[in-house]
Each structure stands twice: as C-alpha cells, then as structure tokens.
Amino acid sequence: MLVWVIYDISDNRTRSRVAKICKNYGLYRVQKSAFLGDLNQNESDSLALECESVIEDSDSVYVFPMCEDCFDKIKLIGTGFDRELVSGMTVTKFF
C-alpha cells in the first residue's frame, strides 16, 4: 500500500532522525517534511513505532495509508513530485 509520512518537528536532530527512518524504509522525500512510498502493513506499523520512539510530546508524525485509486485522484497545483515515481503501488524510478 502507498503510505504518506508527514511530520511537524521543531528540533533539527529529531527531524533528521525521522527523515532517516523514512529513508531506511525506502520512502522518497516529496517535500521537506513529507515522504511517500510502498510499505506493507507491518512495515507501516514498525515505521510508526520507530518514529514514536524518537519524537517529543510537542512533535507530530502522521502515517497515512493511501489506495492507488485515491492516489490517482490527487490534484497537484504548482511544482511537486513526479507521479511516475509510483506506478502500480511499486516505486519504479527516482530522480
């Protein structure tokens, strides 16, 4: 399943740790604090637990699952990520 991870973290060190966790799960950064990728349910749960273990009470991390049909309905205004990154719920290329 496609998973979005979006966070609001004030501390640079903590923010870097969460970004590293996302990258370790193979997610691609689509904005400064937004990642997207293909994870199964166990990976998604594990990622959420890892993020929870490094953030402070004032921080927030959202892990949103998204079906491919919903992804296809996204309306992008302005410059954004390349939709070709995700095809058939499998990441196929990265620029």
C-alpha atoms as a PDB file:
ATOM      1  CA  MET A   1       0.000   0.000   0.000  1.00  0.00           C
ATOM      2  CA  LEU A   2       1.096   3.545  -0.588  1.00  0.00           C
ATOM      3  CA  VAL A   3       1.996   5.397   2.596  1.00  0.00           C
ATOM      4  CA  TRP A   4       2.482   9.097   3.195  1.00  0.00           C
ATOM      5  CA  VAL A   5       4.536  10.185   6.196  1.00  0.00           C
ATOM      6  CA  ILE A   6       4.154  13.842   7.096  1.00  0.00           C
ATOM      7  CA  TYR A   7       5.684  15.420  10.174  1.00  0.00           C
ATOM      8  CA  ASP A   8       5.978  18.634  12.142  1.00  0.00           C
ATOM      9  CA  ILE A   9       9.078  18.510  14.326  1.00  0.00           C
ATOM     10  CA  SER A  10      10.826  21.573  15.754  1.00  0.00           C
ATOM     11  CA  ASP A  11      14.189  20.069  16.762  1.00  0.00           C
ATOM     12  CA  ASN A  12      16.665  19.653  13.874  1.00  0.00           C
ATOM     13  CA  ARG A  13      18.248  16.495  15.312  1.00  0.00           C
ATOM     14  CA  THR A  14      14.893  14.779  15.868  1.00  0.00           C
ATOM     15  CA  ARG A  15      13.665  15.871  12.436  1.00  0.00           C
ATOM     16  CA  SER A  16      16.804  14.386  10.844  1.00  0.00           C
ATOM     17  CA  ARG A  17      16.292  11.113  12.730  1.00  0.00           C
ATOM     18  CA  VAL A  18      12.702  10.793  11.494  1.00  0.00           C
ATOM     19  CA  ALA A  19      13.805  11.580   7.922  1.00  0.00           C
ATOM     20  CA  LYS A  20      16.492   8.891   8.200  1.00  0.00           C
ATOM     21  CA  ILE A  21      13.908   6.367   9.452  1.00  0.00           C
ATOM     22  CA  CYS A  22      11.699   7.156   6.440  1.00  0.00           C
ATOM     23  CA  LYS A  23      14.621   6.765   4.032  1.00  0.00           C
ATOM     24  CA  ASN A  24      15.593   3.467   5.673  1.00  0.00           C
ATOM     25  CA  TYR A  25      12.120   2.156   4.814  1.00  0.00           C
ATOM     26  CA  GLY A  26      12.661   3.126   1.188  1.00  0.00           C
ATOM     27  CA  LEU A  27      10.334   6.120   1.235  1.00  0.00           C
ATOM     28  CA  TYR A  28      11.036   9.039  -1.094  1.00  0.00           C
ATOM     29  CA  ARG A  29      11.083  12.633   0.064  1.00  0.00           C
ATOM     30  CA  VAL A  30       8.472  14.599  -1.875  1.00  0.00           C
ATOM     31  CA  GLN A  31       8.702  17.746   0.271  1.00  0.00           C
ATOM     32  CA  LYS A  32      10.879  18.830   3.191  1.00  0.00           C
ATOM     33  CA  SER A  33       8.715  17.032   5.740  1.00  0.00           C
ATOM     34  CA  ALA A  34       6.730  14.641   3.565  1.00  0.00           C
ATOM     35  CA  PHE A  35       7.690  11.163   2.364  1.00  0.00           C
ATOM     36  CA  LEU A  36       5.871   8.701   0.106  1.00  0.00           C
ATOM     37  CA  GLY A  37       6.436   5.039  -0.615  1.00  0.00           C
ATOM     38  CA  ASP A  38       5.177   1.493  -0.802  1.00  0.00           C
ATOM     39  CA  LEU A  39       5.019  -0.365   2.538  1.00  0.00           C
ATOM     40  CA  ASN A  40       3.107  -3.363   3.785  1.00  0.00           C
ATOM     41  CA  GLN A  41       1.060  -3.102   6.994  1.00  0.00           C
ATOM     42  CA  ASN A  42       3.841  -4.499   9.211  1.00  0.00           C
ATOM     43  CA  GLU A  43       6.390  -2.058   7.793  1.00  0.00           C
ATOM     44  CA  SER A  44       3.982   0.838   8.231  1.00  0.00           C
ATOM     45  CA  ASP A  45       3.334  -0.127  11.863  1.00  0.00           C
ATOM     46  CA  SER A  46       7.051  -0.600  12.511  1.00  0.00           C
ATOM     47  CA  LEU A  47       7.901   2.770  10.982  1.00  0.00           C
ATOM     48  CA  ALA A  48       5.271   4.446  13.172  1.00  0.00           C
ATOM     49  CA  LEU A  49       6.719   2.807  16.297  1.00  0.00           C
ATOM     50  CA  GLU A  50      10.257   3.887  15.402  1.00  0.00           C
ATOM     51  CA  CYS A  51       9.127   7.459  14.832  1.00  0.00           C
ATOM     52  CA  GLU A  52       7.196   7.445  18.091  1.00  0.00           C
ATOM     53  CA  SER A  53      10.332   6.391  19.962  1.00  0.00           C
ATOM     54  CA  VAL A  54      12.369   9.406  18.779  1.00  0.00           C
ATOM     55  CA  ILE A  55       9.898  12.311  18.830  1.00  0.00           C
ATOM     56  CA  GLU A  56       8.994  14.617  21.702  1.00  0.00           C
ATOM     57  CA  ASP A  57       5.483  15.220  23.050  1.00  0.00           C
ATOM     58  CA  SER A  58       5.213  18.506  21.122  1.00  0.00           C
ATOM     59  CA  ASP A  59       6.063  16.844  17.776  1.00  0.00           C
ATOM     60  CA  SER A  60       3.708  15.108  15.367  1.00  0.00           C
ATOM     61  CA  VAL A  61       4.165  12.407  12.748  1.00  0.00           C
ATOM     62  CA  TYR A  62       1.273  11.310  10.540  1.00  0.00           C
ATOM     63  CA  VAL A  63       1.354   7.978   8.709  1.00  0.00           C
ATOM     64  CA  PHE A  64      -1.394   7.936   6.082  1.00  0.00           C
ATOM     65  CA  PRO A  65      -2.146   4.834   4.019  1.00  0.00           C
ATOM     66  CA  MET A  66      -3.497   5.597   0.558  1.00  0.00           C
ATOM     67  CA  CYS A  67      -5.007   3.331  -2.060  1.00  0.00           C
ATOM     68  CA  GLU A  68      -3.844   3.610  -5.667  1.00  0.00           C
ATOM     69  CA  ASP A  69      -7.259   4.861  -6.815  1.00  0.00           C
ATOM     70  CA  CYS A  70      -7.095   7.715  -4.295  1.00  0.00           C
ATOM     71  CA  PHE A  71      -3.517   8.484  -5.310  1.00  0.00           C
ATOM     72  CA  ASP A  72      -4.655   8.794  -8.927  1.00  0.00           C
ATOM     73  CA  LYS A  73      -7.204  11.433  -7.842  1.00  0.00           C
ATOM     74  CA  ILE A  74      -4.629  13.746  -6.245  1.00  0.00           C
ATOM     75  CA  LYS A  75      -4.758  17.264  -7.638  1.00  0.00           C
ATOM     76  CA  LEU A  76      -1.342  18.907  -7.678  1.00  0.00           C
ATOM     77  CA  ILE A  77      -1.049  22.658  -8.031  1.00  0.00           C
ATOM     78  CA  GLY A  78       2.419  24.005  -8.752  1.00  0.00           C
ATOM     79  CA  THR A  79       5.663  22.063  -8.683  1.00  0.00           C
ATOM     80  CA  GLY A  80       5.506  18.742  -6.925  1.00  0.00           C
ATOM     81  CA  PHE A  81       6.740  15.176  -7.032  1.00  0.00           C
ATOM     82  CA  ASP A  82       6.852  13.118 -10.184  1.00  0.00           C
ATOM     83  CA  ARG A  83       3.819  10.774 -10.276  1.00  0.00           C
ATOM     84  CA  GLU A  84       5.972   8.357 -12.278  1.00  0.00           C
ATOM     85  CA  LEU A  85       7.800   7.625  -9.003  1.00  0.00           C
ATOM     86  CA  VAL A  86       4.897   5.409  -8.014  1.00  0.00           C
ATOM     87  CA  SER A  87       3.385   3.079 -10.570  1.00  0.00           C
ATOM     88  CA  GLY A  88       1.176   0.133  -9.660  1.00  0.00           C
ATOM     89  CA  MET A  89       1.967   0.769  -5.966  1.00  0.00           C
ATOM     90  CA  THR A  90       5.626  -0.109  -6.629  1.00  0.00           C
ATOM     91  CA  VAL A  91       8.305   2.553  -6.748  1.00  0.00           C
ATOM     92  CA  THR A  92       9.850   2.314 -10.210  1.00  0.00           C
ATOM     93  CA  LYS A  93      12.292   5.216 -10.500  1.00  0.00           C
ATOM     94  CA  PHE A  94      13.683   8.184  -8.610  1.00  0.00           C
ATOM     95  CA  PHE A  95      15.212  11.413  -9.909  1.00  0.00           C
END
